[in-house]
Protein backbone atom coordinates (compact mmCIF):
# COMPACT_ATOMS: atom_id res chain seq x y z
CA MET A 1 32.28 -14.99 14.66
CA SER A 2 29.19 -17.19 14.35
CA THR A 3 29.94 -18.65 17.78
CA ALA A 4 30.06 -15.15 19.25
CA PHE A 5 26.75 -14.40 17.59
CA GLU A 6 25.12 -17.52 18.96
CA TYR A 7 26.46 -16.82 22.45
CA ALA A 8 25.28 -13.20 22.41
CA LEU A 9 21.88 -14.07 20.98
CA LEU A 10 21.42 -16.82 23.55
CA HIS A 11 21.91 -14.28 26.33
CA ARG A 12 19.31 -12.03 24.66
CA GLY A 13 16.74 -14.79 24.83
CA TYR A 14 17.25 -16.07 21.31
CA ASP A 15 17.77 -19.80 20.91
CA VAL A 16 19.56 -19.46 17.59
CA SER A 17 21.67 -21.55 15.28
CA ILE A 18 23.81 -19.72 12.72
CA THR A 19 23.71 -21.76 9.52
CA SER A 20 25.72 -19.90 6.89
CA LYS A 21 27.17 -16.58 5.79
CA LEU A 22 24.94 -14.64 3.40
CA GLY A 23 27.31 -11.85 2.54
CA GLU A 24 30.18 -9.65 3.59
CA GLY A 25 31.36 -6.20 2.60
CA GLY A 26 31.61 -2.61 3.74
CA PHE A 27 28.11 -3.02 5.18
CA GLY A 28 29.32 -5.70 7.62
CA ILE A 29 28.75 -9.44 7.78
CA VAL A 30 25.32 -11.03 7.38
CA TYR A 31 24.59 -14.57 8.53
CA ALA A 32 21.61 -16.82 7.94
CA GLY A 33 20.22 -18.27 11.12
CA VAL A 34 17.27 -20.15 12.56
CA ARG A 35 15.40 -19.52 15.78
CA LEU A 36 15.33 -23.04 17.19
CA SER A 37 12.21 -22.64 19.33
CA ASP A 38 9.96 -22.30 16.28
CA ASN A 39 12.32 -22.78 13.30
CA THR A 40 11.83 -19.17 12.20
CA PRO A 41 14.49 -18.08 9.70
CA ILE A 42 16.38 -14.93 10.68
CA ALA A 43 19.21 -12.83 9.30
CA VAL A 44 21.89 -11.72 11.74
CA LYS A 45 24.05 -8.77 10.75
CA TYR A 46 27.20 -7.64 12.50
CA VAL A 47 28.77 -4.30 11.68
CA HIS A 48 31.94 -2.97 13.31
CA CYS A 49 31.82 0.56 14.67
CA THR A 50 34.61 1.61 12.31
CA ASP A 51 32.36 0.72 9.37
CA ILE A 52 29.46 2.84 10.63
CA TRP A 53 29.68 6.29 9.09
CA ARG A 54 26.26 7.67 10.10
CA TRP A 55 24.92 7.82 13.65
CA HIS A 56 21.64 8.91 15.19
CA SER A 57 21.58 10.76 18.51
CA THR A 58 18.71 9.46 20.63
CA LYS A 59 16.82 11.33 23.33
CA ASN A 60 18.41 9.05 25.91
CA ALA A 61 21.24 11.12 27.40
CA GLY A 62 23.06 11.59 24.12
CA LEU A 63 23.16 7.89 23.29
CA LYS A 64 24.10 7.31 19.66
CA ILE A 65 23.01 4.34 17.58
CA PRO A 66 23.77 3.42 13.96
CA MET A 67 21.53 5.30 11.53
CA GLU A 68 20.49 2.02 9.91
CA ILE A 69 18.91 0.86 13.18
CA HIS A 70 17.12 4.19 13.60
CA MET A 71 15.74 4.09 10.05
CA LEU A 72 14.61 0.45 10.31
CA MET A 73 12.69 1.31 13.47
CA ARG A 74 11.03 4.21 11.67
CA VAL A 75 9.80 2.06 8.77
CA LYS A 76 8.77 -0.93 10.92
CA ASP A 77 5.06 -0.45 10.12
CA ILE A 78 5.54 -0.10 6.37
CA ASN A 79 4.38 -3.15 4.45
CA GLY A 80 7.24 -4.19 2.21
CA THR A 81 10.24 -3.24 4.34
CA ILE A 82 12.51 -5.73 6.09
CA LYS A 83 11.60 -5.98 9.78
CA LEU A 84 14.13 -5.46 12.54
CA TYR A 85 13.42 -7.92 15.35
CA ASP A 86 16.11 -6.75 17.75
CA TRP A 87 19.49 -5.05 17.97
CA PHE A 88 22.24 -4.71 20.55
CA LYS A 89 25.87 -3.75 20.95
CA LEU A 90 28.42 -6.55 20.83
CA ASP A 91 32.09 -5.90 21.54
CA LYS A 92 33.16 -3.14 19.12
CA GLY A 93 30.14 -3.35 16.86
CA TYR A 94 26.39 -3.83 16.62
CA VAL A 95 24.20 -6.84 15.94
CA LEU A 96 20.93 -6.53 14.01
CA VAL A 97 18.46 -9.42 14.08
CA MET A 98 16.13 -9.21 11.09
CA GLU A 99 13.49 -11.21 9.32
CA ARG A 100 14.51 -13.66 6.60
CA SER A 101 12.48 -15.80 4.25
CA ILE A 102 13.92 -18.93 2.68
CA LYS A 103 11.71 -18.26 -0.34
CA THR A 104 13.24 -14.89 -1.16
CA ILE A 105 16.28 -13.90 -3.16
CA SER A 106 17.66 -10.55 -4.20
CA LEU A 107 16.09 -9.25 -7.38
CA TYR A 108 19.62 -8.87 -8.72
CA ASN A 109 20.32 -12.61 -8.33
CA TYR A 110 16.83 -13.57 -9.48
CA LEU A 111 17.34 -11.74 -12.78
CA LYS A 112 20.50 -13.75 -13.47
CA THR A 113 18.38 -16.83 -14.17
CA HIS A 114 14.88 -15.49 -14.85
CA GLN A 115 13.39 -13.34 -17.59
CA LEU A 116 10.56 -11.14 -16.33
CA SER A 117 7.46 -10.66 -18.42
CA GLN A 118 6.20 -7.12 -18.93
CA ASN A 119 3.31 -7.81 -16.57
CA GLN A 120 5.72 -9.06 -13.90
CA VAL A 121 7.88 -5.96 -14.31
CA LEU A 122 4.90 -3.67 -13.83
CA HIS A 123 3.71 -5.70 -10.83
CA ILE A 124 7.12 -5.41 -9.15
CA PHE A 125 7.44 -1.73 -10.01
CA LYS A 126 4.01 -0.85 -8.65
CA ARG A 127 4.85 -2.51 -5.35
CA LEU A 128 8.23 -0.80 -5.22
CA VAL A 129 6.68 2.63 -5.78
CA GLN A 130 4.05 1.88 -3.12
CA ILE A 131 6.75 1.03 -0.58
CA ILE A 132 8.86 4.09 -1.38
CA TYR A 133 5.78 6.32 -1.37
CA ASP A 134 4.71 4.99 2.05
CA CYS A 135 8.20 5.54 3.47
CA TRP A 136 8.10 9.10 2.13
CA MET A 137 4.57 10.04 3.17
CA ARG A 138 4.19 8.11 6.43
CA CYS A 139 7.74 8.04 7.78
CA GLY A 140 9.31 11.08 6.19
CA ILE A 141 12.33 9.26 4.78
CA VAL A 142 13.79 8.39 1.39
CA HIS A 143 15.85 5.23 0.84
CA CYS A 144 18.72 6.73 -1.24
CA ASP A 145 20.25 3.45 -2.42
CA LEU A 146 17.52 1.72 -4.39
CA LYS A 147 18.79 -0.98 -6.73
CA GLU A 148 18.09 -4.61 -7.53
CA GLU A 149 20.53 -5.80 -4.86
CA ASN A 150 18.43 -4.07 -2.18
CA ILE A 151 15.12 -5.55 -3.28
CA LEU A 152 14.14 -9.06 -2.19
CA ILE A 153 11.68 -11.02 -4.29
CA ASN A 154 9.63 -14.03 -3.25
CA LYS A 155 10.24 -16.68 -5.90
CA GLU A 156 6.73 -18.08 -5.51
CA THR A 157 4.50 -15.04 -5.06
CA MET A 158 6.65 -12.35 -6.76
CA SER A 159 6.08 -10.10 -3.75
CA ILE A 160 8.98 -7.82 -2.83
CA LYS A 161 10.61 -6.24 0.20
CA VAL A 162 13.09 -3.37 0.38
CA LEU A 163 16.13 -3.68 2.63
CA ASP A 164 19.35 -1.83 3.50
CA PHE A 165 18.24 1.52 4.90
CA ASP A 166 21.80 2.42 5.87
CA PHE A 167 21.85 5.40 3.49
CA ALA A 168 18.25 6.56 4.10
CA ILE A 169 17.75 10.25 4.86
CA ASP A 170 14.96 12.54 5.99
CA CYS A 171 12.68 13.95 3.31
CA SER A 172 13.74 17.46 2.48
CA LYS A 173 13.32 20.04 -0.25
CA ARG A 174 16.81 21.39 0.29
CA ARG A 175 19.76 20.69 -1.94
CA ARG A 176 22.27 18.09 -0.77
CA ARG A 177 25.93 17.59 -1.58
CA THR A 178 26.61 14.20 0.04
CA TYR A 179 25.40 11.22 -1.98
CA ALA A 180 26.13 7.69 -0.79
CA GLY A 181 24.03 5.70 -3.23
CA THR A 182 25.15 3.68 -6.23
CA PRO A 183 26.56 5.93 -9.01
CA LEU A 184 24.71 4.26 -11.92
CA TYR A 185 21.39 5.06 -10.23
CA ALA A 186 22.26 8.68 -9.43
CA PRO A 187 20.76 11.51 -11.52
CA PRO A 188 22.64 13.67 -14.05
CA GLU A 189 22.85 16.66 -11.69
CA TRP A 190 24.88 14.64 -9.22
CA HIS A 191 27.46 13.55 -11.79
CA ARG A 192 27.50 16.99 -13.36
CA ASP A 193 27.42 19.35 -10.36
CA GLN A 194 27.71 17.09 -7.26
CA VAL A 195 24.32 18.27 -5.99
CA TYR A 196 20.93 16.55 -5.75
CA TYR A 197 17.48 16.85 -4.23
CA PRO A 198 16.06 13.80 -2.41
CA GLU A 199 12.63 13.74 -4.06
CA THR A 200 13.68 14.24 -7.68
CA THR A 201 16.57 11.83 -7.15
CA VAL A 202 14.38 8.98 -5.94
CA VAL A 203 12.07 9.65 -8.89
CA TRP A 204 15.04 9.38 -11.26
CA THR A 205 16.25 6.19 -9.57
CA LEU A 206 12.82 4.58 -9.81
CA GLY A 207 12.78 5.47 -13.50
CA VAL A 208 16.17 3.83 -14.02
CA ILE A 209 14.97 0.66 -12.27
CA LEU A 210 11.78 0.49 -14.34
CA LEU A 211 13.65 1.00 -17.60
CA LYS A 212 16.32 -1.52 -16.62
CA LEU A 213 13.70 -4.17 -15.81
CA LEU A 214 11.89 -3.55 -19.10
CA LEU A 215 15.08 -3.66 -21.16
CA SER A 216 16.61 -6.57 -19.20
CA GLU A 217 19.86 -4.61 -19.04
CA SER A 218 21.12 -1.29 -17.78
CA PRO A 219 20.34 1.71 -19.99
CA PHE A 220 23.57 3.34 -18.77
CA LYS A 221 26.94 1.67 -19.15
CA SER A 222 28.94 4.30 -17.26
CA VAL A 223 28.51 7.43 -15.17
CA LYS A 224 29.63 9.37 -18.25
CA ASP A 225 26.42 8.26 -19.98
CA ILE A 226 24.42 9.79 -17.14
CA LYS A 227 26.51 12.94 -16.80
CA TYR A 228 25.93 13.83 -20.45
CA PHE A 229 22.38 12.45 -20.62
CA ASP A 230 20.05 14.62 -22.67
CA SER A 231 16.87 12.65 -23.32
CA ILE A 232 15.56 9.13 -22.94
CA ASP A 233 14.68 9.23 -26.63
CA ALA A 234 18.41 9.35 -27.40
CA LEU A 235 19.15 6.07 -25.59
CA PRO A 236 19.77 3.34 -28.23
CA LEU A 237 18.28 0.55 -26.11
CA PHE A 238 15.14 2.55 -25.42
CA LYS A 239 14.70 3.48 -29.09
CA SER A 240 15.04 -0.15 -30.13
CA LYS A 241 12.32 -1.43 -27.78
CA VAL A 242 9.99 1.50 -27.09
CA GLN A 243 7.35 0.12 -29.46
CA GLU A 244 6.96 -2.90 -27.17
CA PHE A 245 5.89 -0.81 -24.17
CA PRO A 246 2.39 0.51 -23.38
CA GLN A 247 2.04 4.23 -24.03
CA ASN A 248 1.31 5.07 -20.38
CA VAL A 249 4.55 3.31 -19.37
CA VAL A 250 6.50 5.26 -21.99
CA ASP A 251 4.93 8.52 -20.81
CA LEU A 252 5.84 7.77 -17.19
CA LEU A 253 9.43 6.89 -18.09
CA LYS A 254 9.83 10.09 -20.08
CA CYS A 255 8.60 12.13 -17.10
CA MET A 256 10.76 10.40 -14.51
CA LEU A 257 13.92 10.47 -16.61
CA LYS A 258 13.92 14.16 -17.45
CA LYS A 259 17.30 15.83 -17.57
CA LYS A 260 16.12 18.98 -15.80
CA ILE A 261 15.23 18.61 -12.14
CA SER A 262 12.29 21.01 -12.44
CA ASP A 263 10.75 18.89 -15.21
CA ARG A 264 10.54 15.70 -13.14
CA PRO A 265 7.33 14.90 -11.25
CA GLY A 266 7.21 14.55 -7.48
CA ILE A 267 6.88 11.19 -5.74
CA ASP A 268 3.15 11.79 -5.20
CA ALA A 269 2.52 12.22 -8.94
CA VAL A 270 4.66 9.17 -9.74
CA TYR A 271 2.71 7.10 -7.23
CA HIS A 272 -0.68 8.00 -8.67
CA SER A 273 0.49 7.48 -12.26
CA THR A 274 2.07 4.13 -11.40
CA MET A 275 -1.09 2.79 -9.79
CA LEU A 276 -2.82 3.18 -13.18
CA LEU A 277 -0.30 0.98 -14.99
CA GLY A 278 -1.07 -2.55 -16.11
């Protein structure tokens, strides 16, 4: 497959060498590559049409493209999102050519060998909220599958980028019944009633990520823990470590991880509260 990639990219004007496979799954196959003309690292993703479950209808005579491509083009000007350099159809699938830094690693893999300080956690979280807020306010979309695997961190600067917009949706106040994100980051209402609202769901997910980074482990061990969640104060891990956290961080967590949808703040309120942390 790498030979096919190199051949196709060559004919698109890319002088590229595919160096290794970064990952493979339901999302497709992702290769590491280098643009030979200037040694720029790139990521090359191939996804078969049968693995694409969401399509966007363009204004061009009913042409449909994968939703991931459409969403990446919409967030191209947001600082902190992975940039899409090019895309094209190849055989029975699509190729996405994206930026790649040799200094970055997924936050998920980074945490396997590194312990974050509280200041580092708050630094990462503030940047994450800024990115999600900008996507919401400037582009009108919400990511819908935020988790450590979809956050890249620069091992030297601790800066982050968000990737994998395959499940992103338009901002909306209406109730939704189709959730494609990761279950352990979904809110109680989804596990209880199979319904959710985009804004209060992303607020919940951000709260889960913040708490997980502070605790150095997941506060929820199963979807059952979330389904029957009542209060953050009842979580054993939180109770054992809450005294170590600044009061404004505790207050924010308690707001974001409210059981009732109507009690959670909006993304705008979360953004402004987060910018005051640390």
